[in-house]
Amino acid sequence: VRDSIKAGDSLATVVVPANNYRELTLDIVAKLLGNKLGGIYVTTSRPSTHVVKEMKARKASLNDLYFVDMISLTVGGETGDPRTVFIDSPTMLESVLLNIGLLERRIKAKRHFVMFDSVNGLSIYSEMRVLKEFMNVLANTMRLRRTYTMMLTVDEQTPPELEAVLVTLSDCMIRGGTGDG
């Protein structure tokens, strides 16, 4: 991931194995924050409160990390964190893009990132046509804003049609991964 940022990529797809998906996701965010990037973490697979607890356990600085939580309101989770925007439903993709724009204004760091923790999670709630359109608008909007964007996907759960979209839109595909880069 670090090499992708240095190369000036705008959109990277990170394909991770299911068996260490959560650890790799947290490693990536911790390393980006440790490299003085601020960011927005879009939760599509679990509530943001769980991510915050796990990041605090890793002693990661959360001062410049914000969340777009697509899960908590759907499952009745906590909704009191001022760093988090809660989306009513995971199907409200336009709201996600709008709220990313609003949260970007709060980031203090000069360089920042947006990370979707599971594109697979989005595919559960949206038709492929709608998801393709959203990803296309997202990718090009983030390119224009010069925001480094990562789409994580679980290797074993990525349908070929979704992978084809990710390959087409991404500047680079990072496969496997150990969290080291």
N, C-alpha and C. Protein backbone atom coordinates (compact mmCIF):
# COMPACT_ATOMS: atom_id res chain seq x y z
N VAL A 1 0.83 -1.19 0.00
CA VAL A 1 0.00 0.00 0.00
C VAL A 1 0.88 1.25 0.00
N ARG A 2 1.92 1.24 0.83
CA ARG A 2 2.81 2.39 0.90
C ARG A 2 3.42 2.70 -0.47
N ASP A 3 3.84 1.66 -1.19
CA ASP A 3 4.42 1.86 -2.53
C ASP A 3 3.39 2.43 -3.49
N SER A 4 2.15 2.01 -3.35
CA SER A 4 1.09 2.51 -4.20
C SER A 4 0.86 4.00 -3.97
N ILE A 5 0.90 4.43 -2.72
CA ILE A 5 0.73 5.85 -2.41
C ILE A 5 1.89 6.64 -2.98
N LYS A 6 3.12 6.15 -2.78
CA LYS A 6 4.30 6.85 -3.29
C LYS A 6 4.28 6.95 -4.80
N ALA A 7 3.71 5.95 -5.47
CA ALA A 7 3.65 5.96 -6.93
C ALA A 7 2.61 6.94 -7.45
N GLY A 8 1.81 7.50 -6.56
CA GLY A 8 0.81 8.47 -6.97
C GLY A 8 -0.51 7.86 -7.41
N ASP A 9 -0.73 6.61 -7.07
CA ASP A 9 -2.00 5.97 -7.42
C ASP A 9 -3.15 6.68 -6.71
N SER A 10 -4.30 6.68 -7.36
CA SER A 10 -5.49 7.26 -6.74
C SER A 10 -6.38 6.20 -6.12
N LEU A 11 -6.48 5.05 -6.80
CA LEU A 11 -7.37 4.00 -6.33
C LEU A 11 -6.66 2.67 -6.37
N ALA A 12 -6.59 2.04 -5.22
CA ALA A 12 -6.00 0.70 -5.13
C ALA A 12 -7.06 -0.26 -4.62
N THR A 13 -7.08 -1.43 -5.20
CA THR A 13 -7.91 -2.51 -4.67
C THR A 13 -6.97 -3.45 -3.94
N VAL A 14 -7.31 -3.74 -2.70
CA VAL A 14 -6.51 -4.64 -1.89
C VAL A 14 -7.32 -5.91 -1.70
N VAL A 15 -6.82 -7.00 -2.27
CA VAL A 15 -7.49 -8.30 -2.21
C VAL A 15 -6.86 -9.09 -1.08
N VAL A 16 -7.65 -9.36 -0.04
CA VAL A 16 -7.10 -10.03 1.14
C VAL A 16 -7.78 -11.38 1.36
N PRO A 17 -7.03 -12.32 1.91
CA PRO A 17 -7.63 -13.63 2.21
C PRO A 17 -8.56 -13.53 3.42
N ALA A 18 -9.60 -14.33 3.41
CA ALA A 18 -10.60 -14.29 4.49
C ALA A 18 -10.00 -14.61 5.85
N ASN A 19 -9.01 -15.50 5.89
CA ASN A 19 -8.49 -15.96 7.18
C ASN A 19 -7.77 -14.89 7.99
N ASN A 20 -7.26 -13.83 7.35
CA ASN A 20 -6.65 -12.75 8.14
C ASN A 20 -7.11 -11.37 7.65
N TYR A 21 -8.31 -11.33 7.14
CA TYR A 21 -8.89 -10.09 6.63
C TYR A 21 -8.91 -8.98 7.69
N ARG A 22 -9.45 -9.28 8.87
CA ARG A 22 -9.59 -8.25 9.89
C ARG A 22 -8.24 -7.70 10.33
N GLU A 23 -7.29 -8.58 10.56
CA GLU A 23 -5.95 -8.14 10.98
C GLU A 23 -5.29 -7.26 9.92
N LEU A 24 -5.38 -7.67 8.66
CA LEU A 24 -4.77 -6.89 7.58
C LEU A 24 -5.43 -5.53 7.44
N THR A 25 -6.75 -5.50 7.56
CA THR A 25 -7.47 -4.24 7.46
C THR A 25 -7.00 -3.26 8.53
N LEU A 26 -6.91 -3.73 9.76
CA LEU A 26 -6.46 -2.87 10.86
C LEU A 26 -5.00 -2.48 10.70
N ASP A 27 -4.16 -3.40 10.23
CA ASP A 27 -2.75 -3.10 9.98
C ASP A 27 -2.60 -1.96 8.97
N ILE A 28 -3.36 -2.04 7.89
CA ILE A 28 -3.27 -1.02 6.84
C ILE A 28 -3.64 0.35 7.40
N VAL A 29 -4.74 0.43 8.11
CA VAL A 29 -5.17 1.71 8.68
C VAL A 29 -4.15 2.23 9.69
N ALA A 30 -3.66 1.38 10.56
CA ALA A 30 -2.68 1.81 11.56
C ALA A 30 -1.41 2.34 10.89
N LYS A 31 -0.95 1.68 9.84
CA LYS A 31 0.26 2.14 9.14
C LYS A 31 0.03 3.48 8.44
N LEU A 32 -1.12 3.65 7.81
CA LEU A 32 -1.42 4.92 7.15
C LEU A 32 -1.48 6.06 8.17
N LEU A 33 -2.15 5.83 9.28
CA LEU A 33 -2.21 6.85 10.33
C LEU A 33 -0.82 7.12 10.90
N GLY A 34 -0.02 6.06 11.06
CA GLY A 34 1.34 6.21 11.56
C GLY A 34 2.24 6.98 10.61
N ASN A 35 1.89 7.00 9.32
CA ASN A 35 2.65 7.76 8.32
C ASN A 35 2.08 9.16 8.13
N LYS A 36 1.33 9.63 9.12
CA LYS A 36 0.81 11.01 9.16
C LYS A 36 -0.26 11.30 8.11
N LEU A 37 -0.97 10.27 7.66
CA LEU A 37 -2.11 10.48 6.80
C LEU A 37 -3.36 10.53 7.67
N GLY A 38 -4.28 11.39 7.34
CA GLY A 38 -5.59 11.38 7.98
C GLY A 38 -6.50 10.57 7.08
N GLY A 39 -7.63 10.12 7.62
CA GLY A 39 -8.44 9.28 6.76
C GLY A 39 -9.88 9.12 7.15
N ILE A 40 -10.59 8.50 6.22
CA ILE A 40 -11.98 8.14 6.40
C ILE A 40 -12.09 6.64 6.18
N TYR A 41 -12.63 5.97 7.15
CA TYR A 41 -12.81 4.52 7.11
C TYR A 41 -14.30 4.28 6.89
N VAL A 42 -14.66 3.69 5.77
CA VAL A 42 -16.06 3.38 5.47
C VAL A 42 -16.31 1.94 5.89
N THR A 43 -17.15 1.77 6.91
CA THR A 43 -17.43 0.44 7.42
C THR A 43 -18.61 -0.16 6.67
N THR A 44 -18.35 -1.24 5.97
CA THR A 44 -19.40 -1.94 5.25
C THR A 44 -19.60 -3.35 5.79
N SER A 45 -18.74 -3.75 6.72
CA SER A 45 -18.81 -5.13 7.20
C SER A 45 -19.06 -5.25 8.71
N ARG A 46 -18.81 -4.17 9.47
CA ARG A 46 -19.05 -4.22 10.91
C ARG A 46 -19.15 -2.80 11.46
N PRO A 47 -19.76 -2.64 12.61
CA PRO A 47 -19.94 -1.30 13.18
C PRO A 47 -18.61 -0.60 13.48
N SER A 48 -18.61 0.70 13.34
CA SER A 48 -17.40 1.49 13.58
C SER A 48 -16.92 1.39 15.02
N THR A 49 -17.83 1.20 15.98
CA THR A 49 -17.41 1.09 17.38
C THR A 49 -16.45 -0.08 17.58
N HIS A 50 -16.66 -1.15 16.84
CA HIS A 50 -15.76 -2.31 16.94
C HIS A 50 -14.38 -1.97 16.38
N VAL A 51 -14.37 -1.25 15.27
CA VAL A 51 -13.09 -0.85 14.66
C VAL A 51 -12.34 0.07 15.61
N VAL A 52 -13.04 1.03 16.20
CA VAL A 52 -12.40 1.96 17.14
C VAL A 52 -11.78 1.21 18.31
N LYS A 53 -12.51 0.27 18.89
CA LYS A 53 -11.98 -0.51 20.01
C LYS A 53 -10.72 -1.27 19.60
N GLU A 54 -10.75 -1.88 18.43
CA GLU A 54 -9.58 -2.66 17.98
C GLU A 54 -8.40 -1.76 17.66
N MET A 55 -8.66 -0.57 17.11
CA MET A 55 -7.57 0.36 16.82
C MET A 55 -6.97 0.90 18.13
N LYS A 56 -7.81 1.17 19.11
CA LYS A 56 -7.30 1.63 20.41
C LYS A 56 -6.46 0.54 21.07
N ALA A 57 -6.86 -0.71 20.93
CA ALA A 57 -6.09 -1.82 21.50
C ALA A 57 -4.71 -1.90 20.85
N ARG A 58 -4.59 -1.45 19.61
CA ARG A 58 -3.31 -1.42 18.90
C ARG A 58 -2.53 -0.15 19.21
N LYS A 59 -3.11 0.72 20.01
CA LYS A 59 -2.51 1.99 20.38
C LYS A 59 -2.32 2.91 19.17
N ALA A 60 -3.19 2.80 18.19
CA ALA A 60 -3.14 3.66 17.01
C ALA A 60 -3.75 5.02 17.36
N SER A 61 -3.17 6.07 16.83
CA SER A 61 -3.72 7.41 17.04
C SER A 61 -4.96 7.58 16.16
N LEU A 62 -6.06 7.90 16.78
CA LEU A 62 -7.32 8.06 16.04
C LEU A 62 -7.70 9.53 15.88
N ASN A 63 -6.76 10.44 16.15
CA ASN A 63 -7.04 11.88 16.12
C ASN A 63 -7.53 12.37 14.77
N ASP A 64 -7.06 11.77 13.69
CA ASP A 64 -7.42 12.26 12.36
C ASP A 64 -8.07 11.15 11.53
N LEU A 65 -8.84 10.30 12.21
CA LEU A 65 -9.56 9.22 11.54
C LEU A 65 -11.05 9.41 11.78
N TYR A 66 -11.81 9.39 10.70
CA TYR A 66 -13.25 9.55 10.75
C TYR A 66 -13.91 8.34 10.11
N PHE A 67 -15.19 8.16 10.38
CA PHE A 67 -15.88 6.98 9.89
C PHE A 67 -17.18 7.33 9.18
N VAL A 68 -17.46 6.58 8.14
CA VAL A 68 -18.79 6.52 7.55
C VAL A 68 -19.25 5.10 7.85
N ASP A 69 -20.22 4.99 8.74
CA ASP A 69 -20.68 3.69 9.24
C ASP A 69 -21.97 3.31 8.53
N MET A 70 -21.89 2.26 7.73
CA MET A 70 -23.05 1.81 6.96
C MET A 70 -23.79 0.67 7.65
N ILE A 71 -23.34 0.28 8.83
CA ILE A 71 -23.87 -0.92 9.48
C ILE A 71 -24.67 -0.63 10.75
N SER A 72 -24.19 0.26 11.61
CA SER A 72 -24.75 0.41 12.95
C SER A 72 -26.25 0.70 12.98
N LEU A 73 -26.73 1.60 12.14
CA LEU A 73 -28.16 1.91 12.17
C LEU A 73 -29.00 0.74 11.70
N THR A 74 -28.44 -0.08 10.82
CA THR A 74 -29.17 -1.25 10.32
C THR A 74 -29.33 -2.31 11.41
N VAL A 75 -28.32 -2.46 12.25
CA VAL A 75 -28.35 -3.54 13.26
C VAL A 75 -28.60 -3.03 14.68
N GLY A 76 -28.85 -1.73 14.83
CA GLY A 76 -29.16 -1.19 16.15
C GLY A 76 -27.97 -0.96 17.04
N GLY A 77 -26.82 -0.67 16.45
CA GLY A 77 -25.61 -0.43 17.24
C GLY A 77 -25.54 0.97 17.81
N GLU A 78 -24.47 1.25 18.54
CA GLU A 78 -24.24 2.57 19.14
C GLU A 78 -24.06 3.62 18.05
N THR A 79 -24.57 4.83 18.30
CA THR A 79 -24.48 5.89 17.29
C THR A 79 -24.06 7.23 17.89
N GLY A 80 -23.25 7.20 18.94
CA GLY A 80 -22.90 8.44 19.62
C GLY A 80 -21.55 9.04 19.31
N ASP A 81 -20.74 8.43 18.47
CA ASP A 81 -19.38 8.91 18.21
C ASP A 81 -19.40 10.13 17.30
N PRO A 82 -18.86 11.28 17.75
CA PRO A 82 -18.87 12.49 16.92
C PRO A 82 -17.97 12.41 15.69
N ARG A 83 -17.07 11.43 15.64
CA ARG A 83 -16.21 11.27 14.46
C ARG A 83 -16.88 10.44 13.38
N THR A 84 -18.09 10.01 13.63
CA THR A 84 -18.74 9.05 12.75
C THR A 84 -20.04 9.60 12.18
N VAL A 85 -20.20 9.41 10.87
CA VAL A 85 -21.46 9.69 10.20
C VAL A 85 -22.13 8.34 10.00
N PHE A 86 -23.38 8.25 10.41
CA PHE A 86 -24.11 6.99 10.32
C PHE A 86 -25.08 7.04 9.14
N ILE A 87 -24.98 6.06 8.27
CA ILE A 87 -25.83 5.96 7.09
C ILE A 87 -27.04 5.09 7.46
N ASP A 88 -28.23 5.54 7.07
CA ASP A 88 -29.46 4.83 7.42
C ASP A 88 -29.51 3.40 6.90
N SER A 89 -28.97 3.19 5.72
CA SER A 89 -29.03 1.86 5.11
C SER A 89 -27.83 1.67 4.19
N PRO A 90 -27.29 0.47 4.13
CA PRO A 90 -26.16 0.20 3.23
C PRO A 90 -26.51 0.37 1.74
N THR A 91 -27.78 0.54 1.44
CA THR A 91 -28.17 0.76 0.04
C THR A 91 -28.06 2.23 -0.35
N MET A 92 -27.83 3.12 0.59
CA MET A 92 -27.80 4.56 0.33
C MET A 92 -26.39 5.01 -0.08
N LEU A 93 -25.97 4.58 -1.25
CA LEU A 93 -24.61 4.82 -1.72
C LEU A 93 -24.34 6.30 -2.00
N GLU A 94 -25.33 7.03 -2.50
CA GLU A 94 -25.13 8.46 -2.76
C GLU A 94 -24.82 9.21 -1.46
N SER A 95 -25.46 8.80 -0.39
CA SER A 95 -25.23 9.41 0.92
C SER A 95 -23.79 9.17 1.38
N VAL A 96 -23.24 8.03 1.05
CA VAL A 96 -21.85 7.72 1.40
C VAL A 96 -20.91 8.72 0.75
N LEU A 97 -21.08 8.94 -0.55
CA LEU A 97 -20.22 9.86 -1.28
C LEU A 97 -20.34 11.28 -0.74
N LEU A 98 -21.55 11.71 -0.46
CA LEU A 98 -21.78 13.04 0.10
C LEU A 98 -21.09 13.19 1.45
N ASN A 99 -21.23 12.20 2.30
CA ASN A 99 -20.64 12.27 3.64
C ASN A 99 -19.12 12.15 3.63
N ILE A 100 -18.57 11.44 2.68
CA ILE A 100 -17.11 11.42 2.53
C ILE A 100 -16.62 12.83 2.27
N GLY A 101 -17.30 13.54 1.37
CA GLY A 101 -16.93 14.92 1.07
C GLY A 101 -17.00 15.82 2.29
N LEU A 102 -18.02 15.66 3.10
CA LEU A 102 -18.15 16.46 4.32
C LEU A 102 -17.06 16.14 5.34
N LEU A 103 -16.77 14.86 5.50
CA LEU A 103 -15.73 14.47 6.46
C LEU A 103 -14.34 14.87 6.00
N GLU A 104 -14.10 14.89 4.70
CA GLU A 104 -12.77 15.29 4.20
C GLU A 104 -12.40 16.68 4.69
N ARG A 105 -13.37 17.53 4.86
CA ARG A 105 -13.11 18.90 5.34
C ARG A 105 -12.60 18.92 6.77
N ARG A 106 -12.88 17.87 7.53
CA ARG A 106 -12.46 17.81 8.93
C ARG A 106 -11.05 17.25 9.11
N ILE A 107 -10.53 16.60 8.09
CA ILE A 107 -9.20 15.99 8.18
C ILE A 107 -8.14 17.08 8.23
N LYS A 108 -7.24 16.96 9.20
CA LYS A 108 -6.20 17.97 9.38
C LYS A 108 -4.96 17.70 8.52
N ALA A 109 -4.66 16.45 8.28
CA ALA A 109 -3.45 16.09 7.53
C ALA A 109 -3.54 16.58 6.08
N LYS A 110 -2.38 16.92 5.52
CA LYS A 110 -2.34 17.34 4.12
C LYS A 110 -2.69 16.19 3.19
N ARG A 111 -2.18 15.00 3.52
CA ARG A 111 -2.47 13.82 2.70
C ARG A 111 -3.49 12.97 3.45
N HIS A 112 -4.45 12.47 2.69
CA HIS A 112 -5.45 11.65 3.36
C HIS A 112 -5.94 10.52 2.47
N PHE A 113 -6.66 9.62 3.10
CA PHE A 113 -7.14 8.42 2.41
C PHE A 113 -8.60 8.16 2.75
N VAL A 114 -9.22 7.38 1.88
CA VAL A 114 -10.55 6.82 2.12
C VAL A 114 -10.41 5.32 1.94
N MET A 115 -10.92 4.55 2.90
CA MET A 115 -10.83 3.10 2.79
C MET A 115 -12.19 2.46 3.01
N PHE A 116 -12.61 1.65 2.07
CA PHE A 116 -13.80 0.83 2.21
C PHE A 116 -13.34 -0.52 2.72
N ASP A 117 -13.84 -0.95 3.88
CA ASP A 117 -13.31 -2.17 4.47
C ASP A 117 -13.78 -3.44 3.78
N SER A 118 -14.83 -3.37 2.98
CA SER A 118 -15.24 -4.56 2.24
C SER A 118 -16.19 -4.19 1.11
N VAL A 119 -15.67 -4.23 -0.10
CA VAL A 119 -16.53 -4.02 -1.26
C VAL A 119 -17.53 -5.17 -1.35
N ASN A 120 -17.12 -6.33 -0.87
CA ASN A 120 -18.03 -7.47 -0.83
C ASN A 120 -19.27 -7.13 -0.01
N GLY A 121 -19.08 -6.39 1.08
CA GLY A 121 -20.21 -5.98 1.91
C GLY A 121 -21.19 -5.12 1.14
N LEU A 122 -20.68 -4.23 0.29
CA LEU A 122 -21.56 -3.42 -0.54
C LEU A 122 -22.35 -4.27 -1.52
N SER A 123 -21.72 -5.31 -2.03
CA SER A 123 -22.39 -6.15 -3.04
C SER A 123 -23.54 -6.96 -2.44
N ILE A 124 -23.58 -7.11 -1.13
CA ILE A 124 -24.68 -7.82 -0.48
C ILE A 124 -25.97 -7.00 -0.59
N TYR A 125 -25.85 -5.68 -0.49
CA TYR A 125 -27.01 -4.81 -0.39
C TYR A 125 -27.43 -4.14 -1.70
N SER A 126 -26.57 -4.12 -2.69
CA SER A 126 -26.86 -3.38 -3.92
C SER A 126 -26.74 -4.28 -5.14
N GLU A 127 -27.57 -4.00 -6.13
CA GLU A 127 -27.47 -4.70 -7.40
C GLU A 127 -26.13 -4.34 -8.04
N MET A 128 -25.60 -5.24 -8.83
CA MET A 128 -24.28 -5.02 -9.44
C MET A 128 -24.27 -3.76 -10.30
N ARG A 129 -25.33 -3.49 -11.04
CA ARG A 129 -25.37 -2.30 -11.89
C ARG A 129 -25.24 -1.03 -11.04
N VAL A 130 -25.95 -0.97 -9.93
CA VAL A 130 -25.91 0.19 -9.03
C VAL A 130 -24.52 0.30 -8.39
N LEU A 131 -23.97 -0.82 -7.98
CA LEU A 131 -22.65 -0.83 -7.36
C LEU A 131 -21.58 -0.38 -8.35
N LYS A 132 -21.66 -0.82 -9.59
CA LYS A 132 -20.70 -0.40 -10.62
C LYS A 132 -20.76 1.11 -10.81
N GLU A 133 -21.96 1.65 -10.90
CA GLU A 133 -22.12 3.09 -11.09
C GLU A 133 -21.53 3.86 -9.91
N PHE A 134 -21.84 3.41 -8.70
CA PHE A 134 -21.31 4.06 -7.50
C PHE A 134 -19.78 4.03 -7.49
N MET A 135 -19.21 2.87 -7.76
CA MET A 135 -17.76 2.74 -7.72
C MET A 135 -17.09 3.61 -8.78
N ASN A 136 -17.72 3.73 -9.94
CA ASN A 136 -17.18 4.57 -11.00
C ASN A 136 -17.19 6.04 -10.58
N VAL A 137 -18.31 6.50 -10.04
CA VAL A 137 -18.41 7.89 -9.57
C VAL A 137 -17.42 8.13 -8.43
N LEU A 138 -17.37 7.20 -7.48
CA LEU A 138 -16.45 7.32 -6.35
C LEU A 138 -15.00 7.42 -6.83
N ALA A 139 -14.60 6.50 -7.69
CA ALA A 139 -13.21 6.46 -8.16
C ALA A 139 -12.82 7.77 -8.83
N ASN A 140 -13.67 8.27 -9.70
CA ASN A 140 -13.32 9.48 -10.43
C ASN A 140 -13.42 10.73 -9.56
N THR A 141 -14.35 10.75 -8.62
CA THR A 141 -14.43 11.88 -7.68
C THR A 141 -13.17 11.93 -6.82
N MET A 142 -12.74 10.80 -6.30
CA MET A 142 -11.55 10.76 -5.45
C MET A 142 -10.29 11.11 -6.25
N ARG A 143 -10.25 10.71 -7.51
CA ARG A 143 -9.10 11.10 -8.35
C ARG A 143 -9.04 12.62 -8.49
N LEU A 144 -10.17 13.23 -8.76
CA LEU A 144 -10.20 14.69 -8.91
C LEU A 144 -9.80 15.40 -7.62
N ARG A 145 -10.16 14.82 -6.48
CA ARG A 145 -9.82 15.41 -5.18
C ARG A 145 -8.41 15.04 -4.73
N ARG A 146 -7.75 14.18 -5.48
CA ARG A 146 -6.42 13.67 -5.13
C ARG A 146 -6.41 12.97 -3.77
N THR A 147 -7.46 12.20 -3.54
CA THR A 147 -7.60 11.43 -2.31
C THR A 147 -7.26 9.98 -2.60
N TYR A 148 -6.30 9.44 -1.87
CA TYR A 148 -5.93 8.03 -2.05
C TYR A 148 -7.07 7.17 -1.52
N THR A 149 -7.58 6.29 -2.37
CA THR A 149 -8.73 5.46 -2.02
C THR A 149 -8.37 4.00 -2.13
N MET A 150 -8.79 3.24 -1.11
CA MET A 150 -8.57 1.79 -1.11
C MET A 150 -9.90 1.08 -1.00
N MET A 151 -10.07 0.09 -1.84
CA MET A 151 -11.24 -0.77 -1.78
C MET A 151 -10.73 -2.15 -1.37
N LEU A 152 -11.07 -2.58 -0.18
CA LEU A 152 -10.67 -3.93 0.25
C LEU A 152 -11.74 -4.92 -0.18
N THR A 153 -11.28 -6.08 -0.58
CA THR A 153 -12.20 -7.14 -0.96
C THR A 153 -11.64 -8.47 -0.48
N VAL A 154 -12.53 -9.33 -0.05
CA VAL A 154 -12.13 -10.65 0.44
C VAL A 154 -12.02 -11.57 -0.77
N ASP A 155 -10.84 -12.11 -0.97
CA ASP A 155 -10.54 -12.90 -2.16
C ASP A 155 -11.57 -14.00 -2.42
N GLU A 156 -11.86 -14.78 -1.42
CA GLU A 156 -12.74 -15.94 -1.59
C GLU A 156 -14.20 -15.55 -1.81
N GLN A 157 -14.55 -14.29 -1.59
CA GLN A 157 -15.94 -13.85 -1.69
C GLN A 157 -16.19 -12.87 -2.83
N THR A 158 -15.22 -12.66 -3.69
CA THR A 158 -15.35 -11.67 -4.74
C THR A 158 -15.84 -12.31 -6.03
N PRO A 159 -17.08 -12.01 -6.44
CA PRO A 159 -17.57 -12.57 -7.69
C PRO A 159 -16.79 -12.01 -8.88
N PRO A 160 -16.65 -12.78 -9.95
CA PRO A 160 -15.88 -12.34 -11.12
C PRO A 160 -16.34 -10.98 -11.67
N GLU A 161 -17.62 -10.72 -11.68
CA GLU A 161 -18.11 -9.45 -12.22
C GLU A 161 -17.63 -8.27 -11.38
N LEU A 162 -17.62 -8.43 -10.06
CA LEU A 162 -17.13 -7.38 -9.18
C LEU A 162 -15.62 -7.21 -9.34
N GLU A 163 -14.90 -8.30 -9.44
CA GLU A 163 -13.45 -8.21 -9.63
C GLU A 163 -13.12 -7.49 -10.94
N ALA A 164 -13.89 -7.75 -11.99
CA ALA A 164 -13.65 -7.08 -13.28
C ALA A 164 -13.82 -5.57 -13.15
N VAL A 165 -14.81 -5.13 -12.39
CA VAL A 165 -15.02 -3.70 -12.17
C VAL A 165 -13.84 -3.12 -11.41
N LEU A 166 -13.39 -3.81 -10.37
CA LEU A 166 -12.27 -3.32 -9.56
C LEU A 166 -10.98 -3.23 -10.38
N VAL A 167 -10.73 -4.23 -11.20
CA VAL A 167 -9.54 -4.22 -12.05
C VAL A 167 -9.59 -3.03 -13.01
N THR A 168 -10.75 -2.79 -13.58
CA THR A 168 -10.92 -1.70 -14.54
C THR A 168 -10.71 -0.33 -13.90
N LEU A 169 -11.24 -0.13 -12.71
CA LEU A 169 -11.18 1.18 -12.06
C LEU A 169 -9.88 1.45 -11.31
N SER A 170 -9.22 0.42 -10.85
CA SER A 170 -8.06 0.59 -9.96
C SER A 170 -6.79 0.92 -10.71
N ASP A 171 -5.96 1.75 -10.07
CA ASP A 171 -4.62 2.02 -10.59
C ASP A 171 -3.71 0.84 -10.30
N CYS A 172 -4.00 0.12 -9.22
CA CYS A 172 -3.22 -1.07 -8.92
C CYS A 172 -4.06 -2.05 -8.11
N MET A 173 -3.73 -3.32 -8.28
CA MET A 173 -4.36 -4.39 -7.51
C MET A 173 -3.28 -4.96 -6.60
N ILE A 174 -3.52 -4.95 -5.32
CA ILE A 174 -2.57 -5.48 -4.35
C ILE A 174 -3.18 -6.78 -3.83
N ARG A 175 -2.52 -7.89 -4.11
CA ARG A 175 -3.09 -9.21 -3.78
C ARG A 175 -2.38 -9.85 -2.60
N GLY A 176 -3.17 -10.65 -1.89
CA GLY A 176 -2.60 -11.40 -0.77
C GLY A 176 -2.36 -10.48 0.39
N GLY A 177 -1.18 -10.03 0.49
CA GLY A 177 -0.87 -9.03 1.50
C GLY A 177 -0.56 -9.62 2.85
N THR A 178 0.38 -9.00 3.47
CA THR A 178 0.75 -9.36 4.82
C THR A 178 0.58 -8.18 5.75
N GLY A 179 0.19 -7.05 5.18
CA GLY A 179 0.09 -5.85 5.99
C GLY A 179 1.41 -5.11 6.09
N ASP A 180 2.47 -5.63 5.47
CA ASP A 180 3.79 -5.01 5.59
C ASP A 180 3.97 -3.80 4.69
N GLY A 181 3.19 -3.67 3.67
CA GLY A 181 3.45 -2.58 2.76
C GLY A 181 2.28 -1.78 2.49
